């Protein structure tokens, strides 16, 4: 009984300490990155350049023949394109020209690659990540980008850097894209891909999202497990040693009644939750009056490489400004892929794979959901069922989307019948769709043998809906 009281008192003291040192995070919307100076930062690592990556990309073969990939593990088109784009961002002989959105859409009908980033990336930051010492006029012309176009036709190569409102063509005649063209042609000749069409082509609306009309491929069957639930005491202590870089004798351990374990050392704490989440906290020791995104990203990348057991398939998904008691930093969130397909986490309290709060050279908090793919017999890996196309899913769930759209716009109705036949309303709803992507959905209900569900994710009106790729039924919304 005495030992239990001691444990409770100790944990209370720790909680008070963390409360006093950790203030509420406040997002500062619209704050522009004030500094990208890298003079004091260490050199970029493979992890950093790999983490800042597109979440999907379109291959345009011409003649309205398009396909879409999510990962780069099979063809390495992004890896090959990075070396080309590095030359473009550092070349002193580039010329630029702004074009309209309509002109850019016409370019997409030519042989080309288009890379889509999960959010806008600062152009200088992207260049620095690729070790471009002196970014050229491209960074001044378009400070932020979320899309990069690489022309792969028969004429001289050119590129388009764009955000949602600006489209900048970049010409550099000394760039050699022949190897990229050769790999591109191999994919086309293999004919081993699904055809994608833009919603503009299919519905004649103002929406340029690409989706498949028919799906010939299947999704591999994937199971994942909770890593923390399978760790024994010695393995948990090894994790603590990795985070604290200290001998076991100096680390204090608290075991909660539910099986979660807390480790304490100096001003650091590590909690291994029985639900599969890992939480690390290290109180700020020095003032950080000015944030530097490049240094912060580099710090986060190095930390992940040192502490995470695996970071394969991980990519940066969002960057948020944070402030704590006059200190400025960033909250970085990372998503991950399995078999090249993004994973949507069903844990509503922990919406991303990794979340890091970083203040330049200091990691204040790190949260990780420890889900690991399980090895399966090859006979059970492939699901032979063809998946529904995203157009099929939209048709099947159109009435649901109409109801959601009317609710979002505060339109109260007695009957939906008249709205289902309204073509103007249909165009408004389909035009408001921001993204449609293939993904695995992880319900996060089991510690072991959790089967991931293939889904089409539809993003619309600040919400996401996940529909089962085989039945078309709604399985998750947030």
Protein backbone atom coordinates (compact mmCIF):
# COMPACT_ATOMS: atom_id res chain seq x y z
CA UNK A 1 0.00 0.00 0.00
CA UNK A 2 2.84 2.37 0.89
CA UNK A 3 4.56 1.67 -2.40
CA UNK A 4 1.35 2.46 -4.27
CA UNK A 5 0.97 5.80 -2.44
CA UNK A 6 4.59 6.66 -3.25
CA UNK A 7 3.98 5.92 -6.91
CA UNK A 8 0.87 8.11 -6.99
CA UNK A 9 2.70 11.00 -5.27
CA UNK A 10 5.67 10.67 -7.64
CA UNK A 11 3.46 10.70 -10.71
CA UNK A 12 1.56 13.75 -9.34
CA UNK A 13 4.82 15.67 -8.91
CA UNK A 14 5.85 14.77 -12.45
CA UNK A 15 2.48 15.87 -13.78
CA UNK A 16 2.76 19.24 -11.98
CA UNK A 17 6.23 19.74 -13.41
CA UNK A 18 5.09 19.05 -16.95
CA UNK A 19 2.08 21.29 -16.48
CA UNK A 20 4.21 24.21 -15.34
CA UNK A 21 6.66 23.83 -18.20
CA UNK A 22 4.25 23.01 -20.98
CA UNK A 23 1.81 25.77 -22.03
CA UNK A 24 -1.04 25.50 -24.46
CA UNK A 25 0.05 25.45 -28.09
CA UNK A 26 -1.37 28.34 -30.09
CA UNK A 27 -1.49 28.27 -33.86
CA UNK A 28 -0.57 31.52 -35.57
CA UNK A 29 -2.51 31.43 -38.84
CA UNK A 30 -1.00 33.18 -41.79
CA UNK A 31 2.43 33.73 -40.21
CA UNK A 32 4.97 33.59 -42.99
CA UNK A 33 8.24 31.75 -42.43
CA UNK A 34 10.49 34.58 -41.32
CA UNK A 35 13.82 32.86 -41.63
CA UNK A 36 15.24 30.14 -43.82
CA UNK A 37 18.84 30.94 -43.03
CA UNK A 38 20.84 27.70 -42.94
CA UNK A 39 24.23 29.04 -41.93
CA UNK A 40 24.04 27.43 -38.48
CA UNK A 41 22.30 24.24 -39.55
CA UNK A 42 23.96 20.94 -40.15
CA UNK A 43 23.85 19.46 -43.65
CA UNK A 44 20.69 17.80 -44.87
CA UNK A 45 20.35 14.06 -44.45
CA UNK A 46 18.76 11.44 -46.65
CA UNK A 47 15.83 11.31 -44.26
CA UNK A 48 14.98 15.01 -44.66
CA UNK A 49 15.10 15.00 -48.45
CA UNK A 50 13.10 11.79 -48.49
CA UNK A 51 10.44 13.04 -46.09
CA UNK A 52 9.60 16.10 -48.17
CA UNK A 53 7.98 14.21 -51.00
CA UNK A 54 4.82 14.26 -53.12
CA UNK A 55 1.90 12.21 -51.86
CA UNK A 56 0.91 11.27 -55.43
CA UNK A 57 1.79 11.97 -59.04
CA UNK A 58 0.13 11.86 -62.43
CA UNK A 59 1.67 10.36 -65.57
CA UNK A 60 0.30 12.02 -68.69
CA UNK A 61 1.01 9.90 -71.79
CA UNK A 62 -0.92 12.17 -74.19
CA UNK A 63 -4.19 11.60 -76.06
CA UNK A 64 -6.13 11.77 -72.75
CA UNK A 65 -4.21 8.77 -71.45
CA UNK A 66 -3.31 9.30 -67.78
CA UNK A 67 -2.47 7.19 -64.75
CA UNK A 68 -1.65 7.96 -61.13
CA UNK A 69 0.88 6.57 -58.63
CA UNK A 70 1.11 7.09 -54.86
CA UNK A 71 4.53 5.68 -54.08
CA UNK A 72 7.93 5.67 -55.73
CA UNK A 73 9.15 2.22 -54.67
CA UNK A 74 8.56 0.51 -58.02
CA UNK A 75 9.58 2.99 -60.73
CA UNK A 76 11.62 5.66 -58.86
CA UNK A 77 10.25 8.46 -61.02
CA UNK A 78 10.33 10.95 -58.16
CA UNK A 79 13.85 9.97 -57.16
CA UNK A 80 15.03 10.41 -60.75
CA UNK A 81 13.16 13.71 -61.10
CA UNK A 82 14.68 15.17 -57.91
CA UNK A 83 18.16 15.31 -59.44
CA UNK A 84 16.73 17.13 -62.47
CA UNK A 85 14.72 19.59 -60.36
CA UNK A 86 17.80 20.24 -58.21
CA UNK A 87 19.64 21.40 -61.33
CA UNK A 88 16.69 23.56 -62.35
CA UNK A 89 16.45 25.32 -58.96
CA UNK A 90 20.19 26.02 -58.91
CA UNK A 91 20.82 26.95 -62.56
CA UNK A 92 21.79 30.52 -63.39
CA UNK A 93 20.56 30.25 -66.98
CA UNK A 94 16.85 29.59 -66.37
CA UNK A 95 14.16 31.84 -67.79
CA UNK A 96 10.65 32.07 -66.40
CA UNK A 97 7.24 33.01 -67.71
CA UNK A 98 3.88 33.20 -65.95
CA UNK A 99 0.97 31.48 -67.67
CA UNK A 100 -2.77 31.10 -67.04
CA UNK A 101 -4.46 28.11 -65.48
CA UNK A 102 -6.02 27.24 -68.84
CA UNK A 103 -2.59 27.13 -70.49
CA UNK A 104 -1.33 24.91 -67.71
CA UNK A 105 -4.25 22.51 -68.14
CA UNK A 106 -3.39 22.26 -71.82
CA UNK A 107 0.18 21.32 -70.87
CA UNK A 108 -1.22 18.36 -68.91
CA UNK A 109 -2.45 16.88 -72.19
CA UNK A 110 1.19 16.62 -73.32
CA UNK A 111 3.57 13.84 -72.24
CA UNK A 112 4.53 14.85 -68.74
CA UNK A 113 4.85 14.07 -65.04
CA UNK A 114 3.02 16.10 -62.39
CA UNK A 115 3.97 15.80 -58.72
CA UNK A 116 1.48 16.82 -56.01
CA UNK A 117 2.65 17.76 -52.51
CA UNK A 118 0.34 17.31 -49.50
CA UNK A 119 0.60 21.04 -48.76
CA UNK A 120 2.42 24.11 -50.06
CA UNK A 121 6.18 23.92 -49.64
CA UNK A 122 8.42 26.97 -49.46
CA UNK A 123 10.51 26.99 -52.64
CA UNK A 124 13.71 28.09 -50.90
CA UNK A 125 13.22 25.36 -48.30
CA UNK A 126 12.77 22.74 -51.01
CA UNK A 127 15.95 23.90 -52.74
CA UNK A 128 17.94 23.91 -49.50
CA UNK A 129 16.67 20.44 -48.68
CA UNK A 130 18.24 19.26 -51.94
CA UNK A 131 21.53 21.03 -51.11
CA UNK A 132 21.05 23.86 -53.60
CA UNK A 133 23.34 26.50 -52.09
CA UNK A 134 22.00 29.50 -54.01
CA UNK A 135 18.40 29.08 -55.20
CA UNK A 136 17.76 31.04 -58.38
CA UNK A 137 14.99 33.39 -59.54
CA UNK A 138 12.39 30.63 -59.37
CA UNK A 139 12.22 31.06 -55.59
CA UNK A 140 11.63 34.80 -55.98
CA UNK A 141 9.04 34.34 -58.72
CA UNK A 142 6.94 31.73 -56.87
CA UNK A 143 7.75 31.58 -53.13
CA UNK A 144 5.58 28.51 -52.41
CA UNK A 145 4.62 25.50 -54.51
CA UNK A 146 2.31 22.52 -54.18
CA UNK A 147 2.67 21.10 -57.68
CA UNK A 148 5.61 20.52 -60.05
CA UNK A 149 5.23 19.68 -63.75
CA UNK A 150 7.96 18.05 -65.86
CA UNK A 151 7.48 18.08 -69.65
CA UNK A 152 8.59 14.81 -71.31
CA UNK A 153 7.54 15.38 -74.93
CA UNK A 154 9.68 15.69 -78.06
CA UNK A 155 10.43 19.43 -77.73
CA UNK A 156 12.99 21.03 -75.41
CA UNK A 157 12.34 20.28 -71.73
CA UNK A 158 10.50 22.76 -69.54
CA UNK A 159 8.95 22.76 -66.09
CA UNK A 160 6.00 24.37 -64.33
CA UNK A 161 6.06 25.33 -60.66
CA UNK A 162 2.61 26.18 -59.32
CA UNK A 163 0.44 26.81 -56.33
CA UNK A 164 -3.33 27.17 -56.46
CA UNK A 165 -3.18 30.62 -58.04
CA UNK A 166 0.16 31.04 -59.80
CA UNK A 167 1.68 29.04 -62.65
CA UNK A 168 5.31 29.66 -63.63
CA UNK A 169 6.95 28.01 -66.64
CA UNK A 170 10.70 27.48 -66.30
CA UNK A 171 12.98 26.91 -69.29
CA UNK A 172 16.48 25.43 -69.03
CA UNK A 173 17.84 24.00 -72.29
CA UNK A 174 20.87 22.36 -70.67
CA UNK A 175 18.79 19.87 -68.64
CA UNK A 176 18.88 16.27 -69.87
CA UNK A 177 15.65 14.33 -69.27
CA UNK A 178 16.44 11.38 -71.58
CA UNK A 179 16.74 8.78 -68.80
CA UNK A 180 13.49 9.92 -67.23
CA UNK A 181 11.79 9.74 -70.63
CA UNK A 182 13.07 6.20 -71.12
CA UNK A 183 11.64 5.02 -67.78
CA UNK A 184 8.42 6.86 -68.54
CA UNK A 185 8.11 5.07 -71.90
CA UNK A 186 8.69 1.67 -70.25
CA UNK A 187 5.70 2.23 -67.96
CA UNK A 188 3.53 3.26 -70.91
CA UNK A 189 4.56 0.25 -72.98
CA UNK A 190 3.95 -2.17 -70.10
CA UNK A 191 0.26 -1.21 -70.13
CA UNK A 192 0.22 -2.35 -66.49
CA UNK A 193 -1.69 0.58 -65.04
CA UNK A 194 -5.21 1.91 -64.52
CA UNK A 195 -6.44 4.78 -66.65
CA UNK A 196 -7.32 8.00 -64.85
CA UNK A 197 -9.48 10.83 -66.18
CA UNK A 198 -10.01 14.33 -64.81
CA UNK A 199 -13.39 15.29 -63.44
CA UNK A 200 -13.29 18.17 -65.91
CA UNK A 201 -13.24 15.65 -68.77
CA UNK A 202 -15.94 13.37 -67.37
CA UNK A 203 -18.39 15.83 -65.83
CA UNK A 204 -17.50 19.03 -67.70
CA UNK A 205 -17.00 20.92 -64.43
CA UNK A 206 -14.31 23.15 -62.93
CA UNK A 207 -12.41 20.39 -61.14
CA UNK A 208 -9.08 18.93 -62.24
CA UNK A 209 -8.87 15.95 -59.88
CA UNK A 210 -7.89 12.75 -61.69
CA UNK A 211 -9.77 9.55 -60.91
CA UNK A 212 -10.01 6.07 -62.48
CA UNK A 213 -13.12 5.13 -64.44
CA UNK A 214 -12.39 1.40 -64.25
CA UNK A 215 -10.01 -0.42 -61.91
CA UNK A 216 -8.24 -3.52 -63.18
CA UNK A 217 -5.85 -3.85 -60.25
CA UNK A 218 -6.36 -5.21 -56.74
CA UNK A 219 -5.01 -4.13 -53.37
CA UNK A 220 -2.64 -6.39 -51.43
CA UNK A 221 -4.03 -7.73 -48.16
CA UNK A 222 -2.25 -6.05 -45.25
CA UNK A 223 -2.32 -6.71 -41.51
CA UNK A 224 -0.69 -4.52 -38.85
CA UNK A 225 0.03 -4.89 -35.14
CA UNK A 226 0.59 -2.70 -32.09
CA UNK A 227 4.33 -2.82 -31.40
CA UNK A 228 4.19 -1.60 -27.80
CA UNK A 229 1.72 -4.27 -26.70
CA UNK A 230 4.20 -6.98 -27.70
CA UNK A 231 7.25 -5.52 -25.89
CA UNK A 232 8.53 -7.19 -22.74
CA UNK A 233 10.08 -5.23 -19.86
CA UNK A 234 13.63 -5.46 -21.19
CA UNK A 235 12.58 -4.30 -24.65
CA UNK A 236 10.69 -1.35 -23.16
CA UNK A 237 13.78 -0.33 -21.21
CA UNK A 238 15.84 -0.53 -24.41
CA UNK A 239 13.41 1.95 -25.98
CA UNK A 240 13.82 4.27 -22.99
CA UNK A 241 17.62 4.02 -23.21
CA UNK A 242 17.42 4.96 -26.90
CA UNK A 243 15.43 8.11 -26.14
CA UNK A 244 17.38 9.24 -23.08
CA UNK A 245 20.87 8.03 -24.07
CA UNK A 246 21.40 7.08 -20.45
CA UNK A 247 22.15 3.90 -18.48
CA UNK A 248 19.21 1.99 -17.03
CA UNK A 249 20.25 2.84 -13.45
CA UNK A 250 19.54 6.55 -13.97
CA UNK A 251 16.05 6.15 -15.45
CA UNK A 252 12.98 6.11 -13.20
CA UNK A 253 10.13 3.79 -14.15
CA UNK A 254 6.41 4.00 -13.31
CA UNK A 255 3.99 1.24 -14.36
CA UNK A 256 0.34 2.30 -14.51
CA UNK A 257 -2.54 0.00 -13.58
CA UNK A 258 -3.59 -0.33 -17.25
CA UNK A 259 -0.15 -1.58 -18.28
CA UNK A 260 1.23 1.67 -19.72
CA UNK A 261 4.79 2.53 -18.64
CA UNK A 262 6.32 5.94 -17.88
CA UNK A 263 10.08 6.59 -17.85
CA UNK A 264 11.60 9.73 -16.33
CA UNK A 265 15.05 11.23 -16.58
CA UNK A 266 16.05 14.81 -15.76
CA UNK A 267 13.51 17.03 -17.63
CA UNK A 268 12.53 14.30 -20.05
CA UNK A 269 9.65 11.86 -19.93
CA UNK A 270 8.69 8.91 -22.11
CA UNK A 271 5.36 7.11 -21.97
CA UNK A 272 4.68 3.80 -23.71
CA UNK A 273 0.91 3.59 -23.81
CA UNK A 274 -0.75 0.22 -23.91
CA UNK A 275 -2.93 1.55 -26.79
CA UNK A 276 0.14 1.62 -29.03
CA UNK A 277 1.16 5.27 -28.79
CA UNK A 278 4.56 6.50 -27.69
CA UNK A 279 4.84 9.99 -26.16
CA UNK A 280 8.12 11.78 -25.47
CA UNK A 281 8.46 15.19 -23.81
CA UNK A 282 11.50 17.37 -23.12
CA UNK A 283 10.90 20.80 -21.59
CA UNK A 284 12.42 23.81 -23.34
CA UNK A 285 15.66 24.90 -21.70
CA UNK A 286 16.51 28.00 -23.74
CA UNK A 287 14.44 30.76 -25.29
CA UNK A 288 13.59 30.39 -29.00
CA UNK A 289 12.39 33.87 -30.01
CA UNK A 290 12.60 33.18 -33.75
CA UNK A 291 11.80 29.96 -35.60
CA UNK A 292 13.79 28.55 -38.51
CA UNK A 293 11.92 25.99 -40.58
CA UNK A 294 14.96 24.45 -42.25
CA UNK A 295 16.76 23.89 -38.95
CA UNK A 296 13.58 22.57 -37.35
CA UNK A 297 12.95 20.10 -40.18
CA UNK A 298 16.56 18.93 -40.07
CA UNK A 299 16.35 18.48 -36.30
CA UNK A 300 13.15 16.47 -36.64
CA UNK A 301 14.63 14.29 -39.38
CA UNK A 302 17.74 13.50 -37.33
CA UNK A 303 15.62 12.74 -34.27
CA UNK A 304 13.39 10.34 -36.21
CA UNK A 305 16.41 8.57 -37.70
CA UNK A 306 17.93 8.09 -34.24
CA UNK A 307 14.82 7.18 -32.26
CA UNK A 308 12.31 5.51 -34.61
CA UNK A 309 12.65 1.80 -35.25
CA UNK A 310 11.50 2.39 -38.82
CA UNK A 311 10.69 5.41 -40.99
CA UNK A 312 10.22 3.67 -44.32
CA UNK A 313 7.27 5.05 -46.28
CA UNK A 314 6.94 8.13 -44.08
CA UNK A 315 6.39 11.59 -45.54
CA UNK A 316 5.76 15.08 -44.21
CA UNK A 317 2.06 15.93 -44.42
CA UNK A 318 1.64 19.28 -42.65
CA UNK A 319 3.53 22.14 -41.01
CA UNK A 320 1.86 24.29 -38.37
CA UNK A 321 3.30 27.32 -36.56
CA UNK A 322 3.18 27.03 -32.77
CA UNK A 323 4.02 29.35 -29.89
CA UNK A 324 4.66 28.58 -26.24
CA UNK A 325 5.44 31.26 -23.68
CA UNK A 326 7.23 33.47 -26.21
CA UNK A 327 9.02 30.58 -27.93
CA UNK A 328 8.30 29.92 -31.61
CA UNK A 329 8.45 26.60 -33.38
CA UNK A 330 6.57 24.16 -35.59
CA UNK A 331 4.26 21.22 -35.20
CA UNK A 332 5.18 18.72 -37.91
CA UNK A 333 2.93 15.81 -38.76
CA UNK A 334 3.93 12.80 -40.84
CA UNK A 335 1.86 10.17 -42.56
CA UNK A 336 3.09 6.86 -43.93
CA UNK A 337 2.51 4.40 -46.74
CA UNK A 338 2.28 0.63 -46.84
CA UNK A 339 2.97 -1.03 -50.20
CA UNK A 340 3.11 2.49 -51.66
CA UNK A 341 -0.46 3.30 -50.52
CA UNK A 342 -1.12 6.01 -47.88
CA UNK A 343 -2.59 4.88 -44.54
CA UNK A 344 -5.54 6.66 -42.89
CA UNK A 345 -5.55 6.17 -39.13
CA UNK A 346 -8.86 5.56 -37.42
CA UNK A 347 -7.57 6.72 -34.04
CA UNK A 348 -9.49 9.98 -33.62
CA UNK A 349 -7.30 11.15 -30.73
CA UNK A 350 -4.14 10.51 -32.71
CA UNK A 351 -4.83 11.45 -36.30
CA UNK A 352 -1.33 11.05 -37.71
CA UNK A 353 1.48 8.54 -37.65
CA UNK A 354 4.01 10.96 -36.13
CA UNK A 355 3.55 14.40 -34.58
CA UNK A 356 6.58 16.44 -33.53
CA UNK A 357 6.82 19.84 -31.85
CA UNK A 358 10.23 21.26 -32.66
CA UNK A 359 11.84 24.59 -31.75
CA UNK A 360 14.87 24.91 -34.05
CA UNK A 361 17.44 22.54 -32.50
CA UNK A 362 15.16 21.32 -29.71
CA UNK A 363 12.53 18.56 -29.85
CA UNK A 364 9.93 19.38 -27.21
CA UNK A 365 7.48 16.58 -27.90
CA UNK A 366 7.25 13.53 -30.13
CA UNK A 367 4.20 11.31 -30.54
CA UNK A 368 4.22 8.09 -32.51
CA UNK A 369 1.58 5.48 -33.25
CA UNK A 370 3.54 2.23 -33.34
CA UNK A 371 1.74 0.26 -36.04
CA UNK A 372 3.89 -2.25 -37.93
CA UNK A 373 2.99 -4.33 -40.98
CA UNK A 374 2.90 -8.06 -40.27
CA UNK A 375 4.54 -10.60 -42.55
CA UNK A 376 2.07 -12.85 -44.37
CA UNK A 377 2.31 -15.98 -46.47
CA UNK A 378 2.57 -15.01 -50.14
CA UNK A 379 -0.56 -17.04 -50.92
CA UNK A 380 -2.64 -14.70 -48.76
CA UNK A 381 -1.16 -11.39 -49.83
CA UNK A 382 -3.10 -10.63 -53.03
CA UNK A 383 -6.80 -9.94 -52.95
CA UNK A 384 -8.19 -10.99 -56.33
CA UNK A 385 -11.30 -8.83 -56.14
CA UNK A 386 -11.33 -5.81 -58.43
CA UNK A 387 -11.93 -2.59 -56.57
CA UNK A 388 -14.63 -0.09 -57.43
CA UNK A 389 -13.49 3.01 -59.26
CA UNK A 390 -13.84 6.33 -57.45
CA UNK A 391 -16.47 7.37 -60.01
CA UNK A 392 -18.50 4.29 -58.99
CA UNK A 393 -18.14 5.25 -55.33
CA UNK A 394 -19.29 8.81 -55.97
CA UNK A 395 -22.33 7.56 -57.88
CA UNK A 396 -23.21 5.04 -55.16
CA UNK A 397 -22.96 7.67 -52.42
CA UNK A 398 -24.34 10.67 -54.30
CA UNK A 399 -27.46 10.99 -52.13
CA UNK A 400 -25.30 10.93 -48.99
CA UNK A 401 -23.01 13.63 -50.45
CA UNK A 402 -26.03 15.78 -51.32
CA UNK A 403 -27.30 15.57 -47.73
CA UNK A 404 -23.85 16.42 -46.36
CA UNK A 405 -23.52 19.35 -48.76
CA UNK A 406 -26.93 20.76 -47.79
CA UNK A 407 -26.12 20.37 -44.09
CA UNK A 408 -22.75 22.10 -44.55
CA UNK A 409 -24.50 25.03 -46.23
CA UNK A 410 -27.27 25.15 -43.57
CA UNK A 411 -30.00 24.32 -46.08
CA UNK A 412 -32.97 22.70 -44.33
CA UNK A 413 -35.21 20.54 -46.54
CA UNK A 414 -38.33 18.40 -46.18
CA UNK A 415 -37.52 16.06 -49.05
CA UNK A 416 -34.31 15.40 -50.93
CA UNK A 417 -35.97 14.03 -54.06
CA UNK A 418 -35.94 17.27 -56.01
CA UNK A 419 -32.30 17.93 -55.19
CA UNK A 420 -31.08 14.60 -56.56
CA UNK A 421 -32.09 15.58 -60.10
CA UNK A 422 -30.72 19.12 -59.91
CA UNK A 423 -27.78 19.26 -62.35
CA UNK A 424 -26.65 22.66 -61.11
CA UNK A 425 -26.42 21.32 -57.56
CA UNK A 426 -24.60 18.24 -58.85
CA UNK A 427 -21.97 20.43 -60.51
CA UNK A 428 -21.58 22.51 -57.35
CA UNK A 429 -21.04 19.41 -55.20
CA UNK A 430 -18.61 17.73 -57.57
CA UNK A 431 -16.70 20.99 -58.10
CA UNK A 432 -16.28 21.37 -54.33
CA UNK A 433 -14.46 18.04 -53.99
CA UNK A 434 -10.88 18.90 -53.04
CA UNK A 435 -9.26 15.50 -53.38
CA UNK A 436 -9.96 11.82 -54.05
CA UNK A 437 -7.26 9.32 -53.12
CA UNK A 438 -6.80 5.59 -52.66
CA UNK A 439 -5.70 4.57 -49.16
CA UNK A 440 -5.65 1.88 -46.50
CA UNK A 441 -7.86 2.55 -43.48
CA UNK A 442 -6.52 1.33 -40.14
CA UNK A 443 -9.46 1.04 -37.66
CA UNK A 444 -6.93 0.76 -34.82
CA UNK A 445 -9.16 -1.58 -32.82
CA UNK A 446 -6.85 -4.59 -32.36
CA UNK A 447 -3.37 -5.03 -30.92
CA UNK A 448 -2.58 -7.87 -33.33
CA UNK A 449 -3.73 -8.92 -36.79
CA UNK A 450 -5.62 -5.73 -37.61
CA UNK A 451 -6.66 -6.04 -41.24
CA UNK A 452 -6.42 -2.76 -43.13
CA UNK A 453 -9.40 -1.77 -45.26
CA UNK A 454 -8.93 -0.43 -48.77
CA UNK A 455 -10.79 2.88 -49.12
CA UNK A 456 -11.38 5.79 -51.44
CA UNK A 457 -10.91 9.00 -49.42
CA UNK A 458 -13.05 11.91 -50.58
CA UNK A 459 -12.14 15.36 -49.17
CA UNK A 460 -14.94 17.91 -49.39
CA UNK A 461 -16.08 20.92 -47.36
CA UNK A 462 -13.39 20.56 -44.67
CA UNK A 463 -14.25 16.89 -44.04
CA UNK A 464 -12.93 13.56 -45.24
CA UNK A 465 -15.00 10.48 -45.97
CA UNK A 466 -13.54 6.99 -46.43
CA UNK A 467 -15.56 4.54 -48.56
CA UNK A 468 -14.77 0.82 -48.79
CA UNK A 469 -13.20 0.13 -52.21
CA UNK A 470 -15.13 -3.13 -52.66
CA UNK A 471 -18.60 -2.27 -51.31
CA UNK A 472 -18.60 1.52 -51.61
CA UNK A 473 -19.94 1.80 -48.03
CA UNK A 474 -18.85 4.61 -45.73
CA UNK A 475 -16.43 3.29 -43.09
CA UNK A 476 -14.98 6.49 -41.60
CA UNK A 477 -15.48 10.24 -41.57
CA UNK A 478 -13.70 13.07 -39.85
